[in-house]
Amino acid sequence: DTYSENINYDNVSKNNFFKQLHNLMNKKVLDVGCGDGSVLLEISKKGAIVYGIEPGEEFVKNAKELNPTAIIKEGVAESIPFSDEMFDVVISTWALQTCTDLSKALLECARVLKKDGIFILLTKHPMQQYFGKIREYGENVNYFESKVSTLHIFDGKITLKEPTHTFNDYFNLDFLNNFEILSFLEEKDFPASE
């Protein structure tokens, strides 16, 4: 509940980005890590046929209540429970950075996406994770070594533990062999990102 109450607060990049999405009428859209389903609701208002996966049982329940016509399954990005080339658009907002095997998650997103489909990923900046790792493990911590880092969000209301990633983890050969980068933006979002 705390997450759902705070997720849209100061989330300027995400909110502006999804307002710009057009031409989704009758498109099959999968939200990987759909959380409470609030993004699915916005996408469905644009005429999309929405699907979601989410590892959190309570989030799945909430997402289904918010989106009664959506198909939402409990699952993880590293093993998406949908068929090959099923979706016109695959999105993930603030979720893939929590994957322990980011490469496998990206390959799964590519697998379920149609050949001419669009993949939209909003994620935490790897340097933000690195600075968090320094705070937790000290200044001699290796940027390239993945560690589980503690993160406090929404003014400390929620504490998360997630693995750290590098730019290389996102833009690896698996990614580059399956996707063409059409747009790449680095923006400040939540107040903490400053």
N, C-alpha and C. Protein backbone atom coordinates (compact mmCIF):
# COMPACT_ATOMS: atom_id res chain seq x y z
N ASP A 1 0.83 -1.20 0.00
CA ASP A 1 0.00 0.00 0.00
C ASP A 1 0.87 1.26 0.00
N THR A 2 1.95 1.23 0.79
CA THR A 2 2.84 2.39 0.84
C THR A 2 3.46 2.65 -0.53
N TYR A 3 3.86 1.59 -1.21
CA TYR A 3 4.43 1.72 -2.55
C TYR A 3 3.40 2.35 -3.49
N SER A 4 2.19 1.82 -3.51
CA SER A 4 1.15 2.31 -4.41
C SER A 4 0.80 3.78 -4.13
N GLU A 5 0.82 4.15 -2.86
CA GLU A 5 0.49 5.52 -2.50
C GLU A 5 1.57 6.51 -2.93
N ASN A 6 2.80 6.04 -3.10
CA ASN A 6 3.92 6.93 -3.37
C ASN A 6 4.52 6.82 -4.76
N ILE A 7 4.17 5.80 -5.55
CA ILE A 7 4.89 5.53 -6.79
C ILE A 7 4.82 6.66 -7.80
N ASN A 8 3.74 7.38 -7.86
CA ASN A 8 3.63 8.45 -8.85
C ASN A 8 4.13 9.80 -8.35
N TYR A 9 4.51 9.87 -7.10
CA TYR A 9 5.00 11.12 -6.53
C TYR A 9 6.34 11.50 -7.16
N ASP A 10 6.40 12.66 -7.75
CA ASP A 10 7.62 13.19 -8.36
C ASP A 10 8.24 12.27 -9.41
N ASN A 11 7.47 11.34 -9.96
CA ASN A 11 8.00 10.44 -10.97
C ASN A 11 7.77 11.07 -12.34
N VAL A 12 8.42 12.20 -12.56
CA VAL A 12 8.16 13.04 -13.72
C VAL A 12 8.49 12.33 -15.03
N SER A 13 9.66 11.71 -15.11
CA SER A 13 10.06 11.06 -16.36
C SER A 13 9.07 10.01 -16.79
N LYS A 14 8.70 9.12 -15.86
CA LYS A 14 7.76 8.06 -16.20
C LYS A 14 6.42 8.63 -16.61
N ASN A 15 5.89 9.54 -15.84
CA ASN A 15 4.57 10.08 -16.14
C ASN A 15 4.55 10.79 -17.48
N ASN A 16 5.57 11.60 -17.77
CA ASN A 16 5.64 12.30 -19.05
C ASN A 16 5.82 11.34 -20.21
N PHE A 17 6.64 10.31 -19.99
CA PHE A 17 6.90 9.36 -21.06
C PHE A 17 5.63 8.63 -21.47
N PHE A 18 4.90 8.11 -20.50
CA PHE A 18 3.71 7.34 -20.85
C PHE A 18 2.59 8.20 -21.39
N LYS A 19 2.58 9.50 -21.07
CA LYS A 19 1.59 10.39 -21.67
C LYS A 19 1.85 10.55 -23.17
N GLN A 20 3.10 10.36 -23.59
CA GLN A 20 3.47 10.54 -25.00
C GLN A 20 3.22 9.30 -25.85
N LEU A 21 2.97 8.16 -25.23
CA LEU A 21 2.74 6.94 -26.00
C LEU A 21 1.41 7.05 -26.74
N HIS A 22 1.47 6.83 -28.03
CA HIS A 22 0.28 6.91 -28.87
C HIS A 22 0.17 5.62 -29.69
N ASN A 23 -0.90 5.51 -30.43
CA ASN A 23 -1.09 4.40 -31.36
C ASN A 23 -0.99 3.04 -30.68
N LEU A 24 -1.66 2.90 -29.54
CA LEU A 24 -1.67 1.63 -28.83
C LEU A 24 -2.99 0.88 -29.00
N MET A 25 -3.90 1.41 -29.79
CA MET A 25 -5.21 0.78 -29.96
C MET A 25 -5.06 -0.66 -30.44
N ASN A 26 -5.60 -1.58 -29.66
CA ASN A 26 -5.58 -3.02 -29.94
C ASN A 26 -4.18 -3.63 -29.99
N LYS A 27 -3.19 -2.94 -29.49
CA LYS A 27 -1.84 -3.50 -29.39
C LYS A 27 -1.74 -4.31 -28.11
N LYS A 28 -1.06 -5.44 -28.18
CA LYS A 28 -0.81 -6.24 -26.98
C LYS A 28 0.43 -5.69 -26.28
N VAL A 29 0.24 -5.27 -25.03
CA VAL A 29 1.32 -4.65 -24.27
C VAL A 29 1.55 -5.46 -22.99
N LEU A 30 2.80 -5.84 -22.75
CA LEU A 30 3.19 -6.54 -21.53
C LEU A 30 3.99 -5.60 -20.64
N ASP A 31 3.59 -5.52 -19.38
CA ASP A 31 4.36 -4.77 -18.38
C ASP A 31 5.08 -5.78 -17.51
N VAL A 32 6.41 -5.78 -17.61
CA VAL A 32 7.25 -6.71 -16.85
C VAL A 32 7.57 -6.06 -15.51
N GLY A 33 7.07 -6.65 -14.44
CA GLY A 33 7.19 -6.06 -13.11
C GLY A 33 6.12 -5.00 -12.95
N CYS A 34 4.87 -5.39 -13.16
CA CYS A 34 3.77 -4.41 -13.25
C CYS A 34 3.37 -3.81 -11.91
N GLY A 35 3.93 -4.28 -10.82
CA GLY A 35 3.61 -3.70 -9.52
C GLY A 35 2.13 -3.73 -9.25
N ASP A 36 1.57 -2.59 -8.85
CA ASP A 36 0.16 -2.54 -8.49
C ASP A 36 -0.76 -2.37 -9.69
N GLY A 37 -0.20 -2.32 -10.90
CA GLY A 37 -1.00 -2.23 -12.11
C GLY A 37 -1.36 -0.84 -12.56
N SER A 38 -0.79 0.20 -11.93
CA SER A 38 -1.15 1.57 -12.29
C SER A 38 -0.69 1.94 -13.69
N VAL A 39 0.46 1.43 -14.13
CA VAL A 39 0.91 1.70 -15.51
C VAL A 39 0.00 0.97 -16.49
N LEU A 40 -0.38 -0.27 -16.17
CA LEU A 40 -1.30 -1.01 -17.04
C LEU A 40 -2.60 -0.25 -17.24
N LEU A 41 -3.08 0.36 -16.18
CA LEU A 41 -4.33 1.13 -16.27
C LEU A 41 -4.17 2.29 -17.25
N GLU A 42 -3.05 3.01 -17.16
CA GLU A 42 -2.81 4.13 -18.08
C GLU A 42 -2.70 3.66 -19.53
N ILE A 43 -2.02 2.55 -19.74
CA ILE A 43 -1.85 2.00 -21.09
C ILE A 43 -3.20 1.52 -21.64
N SER A 44 -4.01 0.90 -20.79
CA SER A 44 -5.31 0.40 -21.26
C SER A 44 -6.23 1.55 -21.68
N LYS A 45 -6.07 2.72 -21.05
CA LYS A 45 -6.87 3.88 -21.43
C LYS A 45 -6.56 4.34 -22.85
N LYS A 46 -5.43 3.91 -23.39
CA LYS A 46 -5.04 4.26 -24.76
C LYS A 46 -5.47 3.16 -25.74
N GLY A 47 -6.28 2.22 -25.27
CA GLY A 47 -6.83 1.19 -26.14
C GLY A 47 -6.01 -0.08 -26.24
N ALA A 48 -4.95 -0.20 -25.46
CA ALA A 48 -4.10 -1.40 -25.52
C ALA A 48 -4.77 -2.57 -24.82
N ILE A 49 -4.39 -3.76 -25.25
CA ILE A 49 -4.78 -5.00 -24.58
C ILE A 49 -3.62 -5.31 -23.64
N VAL A 50 -3.86 -5.24 -22.33
CA VAL A 50 -2.75 -5.25 -21.38
C VAL A 50 -2.58 -6.58 -20.66
N TYR A 51 -1.28 -6.88 -20.45
CA TYR A 51 -0.84 -8.06 -19.73
C TYR A 51 0.22 -7.61 -18.73
N GLY A 52 0.39 -8.39 -17.68
CA GLY A 52 1.43 -8.05 -16.72
C GLY A 52 1.98 -9.29 -16.06
N ILE A 53 3.23 -9.17 -15.63
CA ILE A 53 3.82 -10.17 -14.73
C ILE A 53 4.42 -9.42 -13.56
N GLU A 54 4.40 -10.08 -12.42
CA GLU A 54 4.86 -9.45 -11.18
C GLU A 54 5.17 -10.56 -10.18
N PRO A 55 6.34 -10.50 -9.54
CA PRO A 55 6.66 -11.55 -8.56
C PRO A 55 5.92 -11.43 -7.24
N GLY A 56 5.45 -10.25 -6.90
CA GLY A 56 4.81 -10.04 -5.61
C GLY A 56 3.34 -10.43 -5.61
N GLU A 57 2.98 -11.40 -4.80
CA GLU A 57 1.60 -11.91 -4.75
C GLU A 57 0.58 -10.81 -4.45
N GLU A 58 0.89 -9.95 -3.49
CA GLU A 58 -0.04 -8.86 -3.14
C GLU A 58 -0.18 -7.86 -4.29
N PHE A 59 0.95 -7.56 -4.96
CA PHE A 59 0.87 -6.66 -6.12
C PHE A 59 0.01 -7.27 -7.23
N VAL A 60 0.15 -8.58 -7.47
CA VAL A 60 -0.66 -9.24 -8.50
C VAL A 60 -2.13 -9.08 -8.16
N LYS A 61 -2.47 -9.31 -6.91
CA LYS A 61 -3.87 -9.17 -6.47
C LYS A 61 -4.36 -7.74 -6.70
N ASN A 62 -3.56 -6.75 -6.30
CA ASN A 62 -3.95 -5.35 -6.48
C ASN A 62 -4.06 -4.97 -7.95
N ALA A 63 -3.10 -5.46 -8.77
CA ALA A 63 -3.10 -5.14 -10.20
C ALA A 63 -4.34 -5.71 -10.88
N LYS A 64 -4.75 -6.91 -10.47
CA LYS A 64 -5.95 -7.52 -11.05
C LYS A 64 -7.20 -6.75 -10.65
N GLU A 65 -7.25 -6.26 -9.43
CA GLU A 65 -8.39 -5.47 -8.98
C GLU A 65 -8.49 -4.17 -9.76
N LEU A 66 -7.33 -3.54 -10.02
CA LEU A 66 -7.29 -2.28 -10.75
C LEU A 66 -7.56 -2.47 -12.25
N ASN A 67 -7.23 -3.66 -12.77
CA ASN A 67 -7.34 -3.96 -14.20
C ASN A 67 -8.08 -5.29 -14.39
N PRO A 68 -9.38 -5.31 -14.18
CA PRO A 68 -10.10 -6.59 -14.19
C PRO A 68 -10.11 -7.32 -15.53
N THR A 69 -9.87 -6.62 -16.64
CA THR A 69 -9.86 -7.29 -17.94
C THR A 69 -8.45 -7.70 -18.38
N ALA A 70 -7.44 -7.30 -17.63
CA ALA A 70 -6.05 -7.63 -17.98
C ALA A 70 -5.72 -9.07 -17.60
N ILE A 71 -4.72 -9.61 -18.28
CA ILE A 71 -4.18 -10.92 -17.91
C ILE A 71 -2.89 -10.65 -17.15
N ILE A 72 -2.91 -10.91 -15.87
CA ILE A 72 -1.76 -10.63 -15.00
C ILE A 72 -1.37 -11.93 -14.30
N LYS A 73 -0.09 -12.29 -14.43
CA LYS A 73 0.40 -13.54 -13.85
C LYS A 73 1.51 -13.26 -12.86
N GLU A 74 1.60 -14.12 -11.87
CA GLU A 74 2.72 -14.06 -10.96
C GLU A 74 3.92 -14.67 -11.67
N GLY A 75 5.04 -13.96 -11.69
CA GLY A 75 6.21 -14.46 -12.39
C GLY A 75 7.35 -13.46 -12.33
N VAL A 76 8.50 -13.87 -12.87
CA VAL A 76 9.70 -13.05 -12.85
C VAL A 76 10.18 -12.79 -14.27
N ALA A 77 10.94 -11.74 -14.44
CA ALA A 77 11.42 -11.34 -15.77
C ALA A 77 12.36 -12.37 -16.38
N GLU A 78 13.05 -13.12 -15.56
CA GLU A 78 13.99 -14.12 -16.08
C GLU A 78 13.28 -15.34 -16.67
N SER A 79 11.98 -15.44 -16.47
CA SER A 79 11.20 -16.56 -17.01
C SER A 79 9.76 -16.09 -17.24
N ILE A 80 9.55 -15.33 -18.31
CA ILE A 80 8.25 -14.72 -18.58
C ILE A 80 7.27 -15.80 -19.05
N PRO A 81 6.13 -15.91 -18.37
CA PRO A 81 5.18 -16.99 -18.65
C PRO A 81 4.22 -16.71 -19.82
N PHE A 82 4.79 -16.22 -20.94
CA PHE A 82 3.99 -15.98 -22.13
C PHE A 82 4.73 -16.51 -23.36
N SER A 83 4.01 -16.67 -24.47
CA SER A 83 4.56 -17.27 -25.68
C SER A 83 5.53 -16.36 -26.42
N ASP A 84 6.34 -16.98 -27.28
CA ASP A 84 7.27 -16.26 -28.15
C ASP A 84 6.50 -15.28 -29.05
N GLU A 85 7.11 -14.12 -29.26
CA GLU A 85 6.61 -13.10 -30.20
C GLU A 85 5.11 -12.81 -30.02
N MET A 86 4.70 -12.67 -28.78
CA MET A 86 3.28 -12.46 -28.47
C MET A 86 2.90 -10.98 -28.40
N PHE A 87 3.87 -10.10 -28.10
CA PHE A 87 3.53 -8.72 -27.76
C PHE A 87 4.05 -7.71 -28.77
N ASP A 88 3.24 -6.66 -28.98
CA ASP A 88 3.65 -5.54 -29.83
C ASP A 88 4.59 -4.61 -29.06
N VAL A 89 4.35 -4.49 -27.76
CA VAL A 89 5.14 -3.60 -26.90
C VAL A 89 5.40 -4.33 -25.58
N VAL A 90 6.65 -4.27 -25.14
CA VAL A 90 7.01 -4.75 -23.80
C VAL A 90 7.59 -3.57 -23.06
N ILE A 91 7.07 -3.31 -21.86
CA ILE A 91 7.57 -2.21 -21.05
C ILE A 91 8.01 -2.74 -19.69
N SER A 92 8.91 -2.01 -19.07
CA SER A 92 9.29 -2.31 -17.70
C SER A 92 9.73 -1.01 -17.05
N THR A 93 9.10 -0.67 -15.95
CA THR A 93 9.43 0.57 -15.26
C THR A 93 9.90 0.28 -13.85
N TRP A 94 11.15 0.61 -13.60
CA TRP A 94 11.77 0.50 -12.28
C TRP A 94 11.71 -0.93 -11.74
N ALA A 95 11.80 -1.92 -12.63
CA ALA A 95 11.70 -3.31 -12.18
C ALA A 95 12.92 -4.15 -12.56
N LEU A 96 13.43 -4.01 -13.79
CA LEU A 96 14.50 -4.91 -14.22
C LEU A 96 15.77 -4.76 -13.40
N GLN A 97 15.97 -3.59 -12.78
CA GLN A 97 17.18 -3.44 -11.97
C GLN A 97 17.19 -4.37 -10.76
N THR A 98 16.04 -4.96 -10.44
CA THR A 98 15.96 -5.87 -9.29
C THR A 98 16.32 -7.30 -9.67
N CYS A 99 16.52 -7.57 -10.97
CA CYS A 99 16.83 -8.93 -11.43
C CYS A 99 18.27 -9.31 -11.08
N THR A 100 18.43 -10.52 -10.62
CA THR A 100 19.79 -11.01 -10.37
C THR A 100 20.47 -11.39 -11.68
N ASP A 101 19.71 -11.86 -12.67
CA ASP A 101 20.26 -12.21 -13.97
C ASP A 101 19.64 -11.28 -15.02
N LEU A 102 20.19 -10.09 -15.11
CA LEU A 102 19.65 -9.06 -16.01
C LEU A 102 19.71 -9.50 -17.47
N SER A 103 20.78 -10.18 -17.86
CA SER A 103 20.92 -10.64 -19.24
C SER A 103 19.79 -11.59 -19.60
N LYS A 104 19.47 -12.52 -18.72
CA LYS A 104 18.39 -13.47 -18.97
C LYS A 104 17.05 -12.74 -19.06
N ALA A 105 16.84 -11.74 -18.22
CA ALA A 105 15.61 -10.96 -18.25
C ALA A 105 15.47 -10.23 -19.59
N LEU A 106 16.55 -9.63 -20.07
CA LEU A 106 16.51 -8.92 -21.35
C LEU A 106 16.23 -9.89 -22.50
N LEU A 107 16.84 -11.08 -22.45
CA LEU A 107 16.58 -12.09 -23.48
C LEU A 107 15.12 -12.54 -23.46
N GLU A 108 14.54 -12.64 -22.28
CA GLU A 108 13.13 -13.02 -22.17
C GLU A 108 12.23 -11.92 -22.75
N CYS A 109 12.57 -10.67 -22.48
CA CYS A 109 11.80 -9.57 -23.07
C CYS A 109 11.86 -9.63 -24.59
N ALA A 110 13.04 -9.93 -25.14
CA ALA A 110 13.20 -10.05 -26.59
C ALA A 110 12.40 -11.24 -27.12
N ARG A 111 12.38 -12.33 -26.39
CA ARG A 111 11.68 -13.55 -26.83
C ARG A 111 10.18 -13.33 -27.00
N VAL A 112 9.55 -12.63 -26.05
CA VAL A 112 8.08 -12.47 -26.10
C VAL A 112 7.66 -11.31 -26.99
N LEU A 113 8.61 -10.51 -27.46
CA LEU A 113 8.33 -9.33 -28.29
C LEU A 113 8.30 -9.72 -29.76
N LYS A 114 7.31 -9.21 -30.50
CA LYS A 114 7.26 -9.43 -31.94
C LYS A 114 8.50 -8.81 -32.58
N LYS A 115 8.87 -9.32 -33.74
CA LYS A 115 10.10 -8.87 -34.42
C LYS A 115 10.12 -7.37 -34.68
N ASP A 116 8.98 -6.78 -34.96
CA ASP A 116 8.93 -5.34 -35.20
C ASP A 116 8.40 -4.59 -33.98
N GLY A 117 8.42 -5.24 -32.83
CA GLY A 117 7.88 -4.65 -31.61
C GLY A 117 8.80 -3.63 -30.97
N ILE A 118 8.30 -3.02 -29.92
CA ILE A 118 9.03 -1.98 -29.21
C ILE A 118 9.21 -2.38 -27.75
N PHE A 119 10.43 -2.24 -27.26
CA PHE A 119 10.75 -2.51 -25.86
C PHE A 119 11.08 -1.17 -25.20
N ILE A 120 10.38 -0.87 -24.11
CA ILE A 120 10.60 0.39 -23.40
C ILE A 120 11.04 0.05 -21.98
N LEU A 121 12.22 0.50 -21.62
CA LEU A 121 12.78 0.21 -20.31
C LEU A 121 13.10 1.50 -19.58
N LEU A 122 12.50 1.67 -18.43
CA LEU A 122 12.88 2.75 -17.52
C LEU A 122 13.52 2.08 -16.32
N THR A 123 14.72 2.49 -15.99
CA THR A 123 15.44 1.82 -14.91
C THR A 123 16.31 2.81 -14.16
N LYS A 124 16.73 2.39 -13.01
CA LYS A 124 17.62 3.20 -12.20
C LYS A 124 18.98 3.33 -12.88
N HIS A 125 19.58 4.47 -12.79
CA HIS A 125 20.90 4.70 -13.37
C HIS A 125 21.93 3.85 -12.63
N PRO A 126 22.79 3.14 -13.36
CA PRO A 126 23.81 2.32 -12.69
C PRO A 126 24.72 3.11 -11.74
N MET A 127 24.94 4.38 -12.03
CA MET A 127 25.78 5.17 -11.13
C MET A 127 25.06 5.43 -9.81
N GLN A 128 23.75 5.55 -9.85
CA GLN A 128 23.00 5.70 -8.59
C GLN A 128 23.18 4.46 -7.73
N GLN A 129 23.13 3.29 -8.37
CA GLN A 129 23.36 2.05 -7.62
C GLN A 129 24.80 2.01 -7.09
N TYR A 130 25.74 2.47 -7.90
CA TYR A 130 27.15 2.46 -7.47
C TYR A 130 27.35 3.36 -6.25
N PHE A 131 26.75 4.55 -6.27
CA PHE A 131 26.90 5.44 -5.11
C PHE A 131 26.26 4.83 -3.87
N GLY A 132 25.15 4.13 -4.05
CA GLY A 132 24.54 3.43 -2.93
C GLY A 132 25.44 2.32 -2.41
N LYS A 133 26.14 1.67 -3.33
CA LYS A 133 27.06 0.60 -2.95
C LYS A 133 28.25 1.18 -2.16
N ILE A 134 28.72 2.35 -2.56
CA ILE A 134 29.81 3.01 -1.83
C ILE A 134 29.35 3.33 -0.41
N ARG A 135 28.15 3.89 -0.27
CA ARG A 135 27.64 4.21 1.06
C ARG A 135 27.57 2.97 1.96
N GLU A 136 27.21 1.85 1.34
CA GLU A 136 27.01 0.64 2.14
C GLU A 136 28.29 -0.15 2.37
N TYR A 137 29.19 -0.21 1.38
CA TYR A 137 30.36 -1.08 1.47
C TYR A 137 31.69 -0.34 1.56
N GLY A 138 31.66 0.99 1.42
CA GLY A 138 32.90 1.75 1.51
C GLY A 138 33.44 2.15 0.14
N GLU A 139 34.38 3.10 0.15
CA GLU A 139 34.86 3.68 -1.11
C GLU A 139 35.69 2.74 -1.97
N ASN A 140 36.19 1.67 -1.42
CA ASN A 140 37.01 0.74 -2.21
C ASN A 140 36.19 -0.32 -2.94
N VAL A 141 34.88 -0.20 -2.92
CA VAL A 141 34.03 -1.19 -3.58
C VAL A 141 34.22 -1.11 -5.09
N ASN A 142 34.17 -2.27 -5.75
CA ASN A 142 34.39 -2.37 -7.18
C ASN A 142 33.08 -2.10 -7.94
N TYR A 143 33.11 -1.13 -8.85
CA TYR A 143 31.93 -0.79 -9.65
C TYR A 143 31.43 -2.02 -10.41
N PHE A 144 32.33 -2.86 -10.91
CA PHE A 144 31.97 -3.98 -11.78
C PHE A 144 31.52 -5.22 -11.02
N GLU A 145 31.67 -5.23 -9.72
CA GLU A 145 31.25 -6.38 -8.93
C GLU A 145 29.82 -6.16 -8.43
N SER A 146 28.94 -7.07 -8.80
CA SER A 146 27.55 -6.95 -8.35
C SER A 146 27.45 -7.32 -6.88
N LYS A 147 26.78 -6.46 -6.14
CA LYS A 147 26.52 -6.71 -4.73
C LYS A 147 25.07 -6.35 -4.46
N VAL A 148 24.52 -6.97 -3.44
CA VAL A 148 23.18 -6.60 -3.02
C VAL A 148 23.30 -5.33 -2.20
N SER A 149 22.55 -4.33 -2.59
CA SER A 149 22.63 -3.02 -1.95
C SER A 149 21.28 -2.67 -1.33
N THR A 150 21.32 -1.95 -0.23
CA THR A 150 20.11 -1.51 0.44
C THR A 150 19.71 -0.14 -0.06
N LEU A 151 18.45 0.02 -0.36
CA LEU A 151 17.94 1.27 -0.90
C LEU A 151 16.72 1.68 -0.08
N HIS A 152 16.68 2.95 0.27
CA HIS A 152 15.53 3.51 0.99
C HIS A 152 14.81 4.45 0.04
N ILE A 153 13.52 4.19 -0.19
CA ILE A 153 12.76 5.02 -1.12
C ILE A 153 11.56 5.64 -0.41
N PHE A 154 11.01 6.65 -1.08
CA PHE A 154 9.85 7.37 -0.57
C PHE A 154 10.12 7.90 0.84
N ASP A 155 11.21 8.68 0.93
CA ASP A 155 11.60 9.31 2.20
C ASP A 155 11.77 8.28 3.32
N GLY A 156 12.31 7.11 2.97
CA GLY A 156 12.59 6.09 3.97
C GLY A 156 11.41 5.23 4.37
N LYS A 157 10.27 5.40 3.70
CA LYS A 157 9.08 4.61 4.05
C LYS A 157 9.24 3.14 3.65
N ILE A 158 10.05 2.88 2.61
CA ILE A 158 10.25 1.51 2.13
C ILE A 158 11.75 1.26 2.01
N THR A 159 12.19 0.09 2.46
CA THR A 159 13.57 -0.34 2.31
C THR A 159 13.60 -1.52 1.34
N LEU A 160 14.46 -1.42 0.34
CA LEU A 160 14.60 -2.47 -0.67
C LEU A 160 16.02 -3.02 -0.63
N LYS A 161 16.17 -4.25 -1.02
CA LYS A 161 17.49 -4.84 -1.25
C LYS A 161 17.49 -5.29 -2.71
N GLU A 162 18.48 -4.82 -3.48
CA GLU A 162 18.53 -5.20 -4.88
C GLU A 162 19.97 -5.32 -5.34
N PRO A 163 20.22 -6.17 -6.36
CA PRO A 163 21.58 -6.31 -6.88
C PRO A 163 21.97 -5.06 -7.67
N THR A 164 23.24 -4.74 -7.66
CA THR A 164 23.72 -3.60 -8.44
C THR A 164 24.09 -4.06 -9.84
N HIS A 165 23.99 -3.14 -10.79
CA HIS A 165 24.30 -3.43 -12.19
C HIS A 165 25.16 -2.30 -12.75
N THR A 166 25.83 -2.59 -13.86
CA THR A 166 26.63 -1.60 -14.57
C THR A 166 25.97 -1.30 -15.91
N PHE A 167 26.46 -0.26 -16.60
CA PHE A 167 25.99 0.00 -17.95
C PHE A 167 26.19 -1.23 -18.82
N ASN A 168 27.30 -1.91 -18.63
CA ASN A 168 27.63 -3.09 -19.42
C ASN A 168 26.59 -4.20 -19.22
N ASP A 169 26.01 -4.29 -18.04
CA ASP A 169 24.98 -5.30 -17.79
C ASP A 169 23.75 -5.04 -18.66
N TYR A 170 23.43 -3.77 -18.87
CA TYR A 170 22.27 -3.42 -19.70
C TYR A 170 22.59 -3.52 -21.18
N PHE A 171 23.71 -2.96 -21.59
CA PHE A 171 24.06 -2.92 -23.01
C PHE A 171 25.06 -4.01 -23.35
N ASN A 172 24.73 -5.24 -22.97
CA ASN A 172 25.61 -6.37 -23.27
C ASN A 172 25.30 -6.90 -24.67
N LEU A 173 26.03 -7.93 -25.09
CA LEU A 173 25.84 -8.46 -26.44
C LEU A 173 24.44 -9.06 -26.62
N ASP A 174 23.90 -9.68 -25.59
CA ASP A 174 22.53 -10.21 -25.69
C ASP A 174 21.55 -9.09 -26.02
N PHE A 175 21.71 -7.97 -25.36
CA PHE A 175 20.84 -6.82 -25.62
C PHE A 175 21.08 -6.29 -27.04
N LEU A 176 22.32 -6.03 -27.37
CA LEU A 176 22.65 -5.41 -28.65
C LEU A 176 22.32 -6.31 -29.84
N ASN A 177 22.34 -7.64 -29.65
CA ASN A 177 21.97 -8.56 -30.73
C ASN A 177 20.47 -8.69 -30.92
N ASN A 178 19.68 -8.21 -29.96
CA ASN A 178 18.24 -8.37 -30.03
C ASN A 178 17.46 -7.07 -30.16
N PHE A 179 18.10 -5.95 -29.87
CA PHE A 179 17.39 -4.68 -29.88
C PHE A 179 18.19 -3.63 -30.64
N GLU A 180 17.48 -2.72 -31.27
CA GLU A 180 18.08 -1.53 -31.87
C GLU A 180 17.68 -0.36 -30.98
N ILE A 181 18.65 0.42 -30.56
CA ILE A 181 18.36 1.55 -29.67
C ILE A 181 17.84 2.71 -30.51
N LEU A 182 16.59 3.10 -30.25
CA LEU A 182 15.98 4.21 -30.97
C LEU A 182 16.05 5.50 -30.17
N SER A 183 16.11 5.37 -28.85
CA SER A 183 16.17 6.55 -27.99
C SER A 183 16.80 6.14 -26.68
N PHE A 184 17.62 7.03 -26.14
CA PHE A 184 18.27 6.79 -24.85
C PHE A 184 18.29 8.12 -24.10
N LEU A 185 17.66 8.17 -22.96
CA LEU A 185 17.61 9.40 -22.17
C LEU A 185 18.14 9.13 -20.78
N GLU A 186 18.94 10.06 -20.27
CA GLU A 186 19.36 10.03 -18.87
C GLU A 186 18.76 11.26 -18.22
N GLU A 187 17.85 11.04 -17.29
CA GLU A 187 17.17 12.16 -16.65
C GLU A 187 17.17 12.00 -15.14
N LYS A 188 17.07 13.14 -14.46
CA LYS A 188 16.80 13.10 -13.03
C LYS A 188 15.32 12.80 -12.88
N ASP A 189 15.00 12.06 -11.85
CA ASP A 189 13.60 11.76 -11.65
C ASP A 189 13.21 12.05 -10.22
N PHE A 190 13.30 11.08 -9.37
CA PHE A 190 12.95 11.29 -7.97
C PHE A 190 13.91 12.29 -7.34
N PRO A 191 13.49 13.00 -6.32
CA PRO A 191 14.38 13.99 -5.68
C PRO A 191 15.73 13.41 -5.27
N ALA A 192 15.75 12.13 -4.88
CA ALA A 192 17.00 11.49 -4.44
C ALA A 192 18.01 11.35 -5.58
N SER A 193 17.56 11.37 -6.84
CA SER A 193 18.49 11.18 -7.94
C SER A 193 19.43 12.36 -8.14
N GLU A 194 19.09 13.50 -7.56
CA GLU A 194 19.98 14.67 -7.66
C GLU A 194 21.34 14.33 -7.09
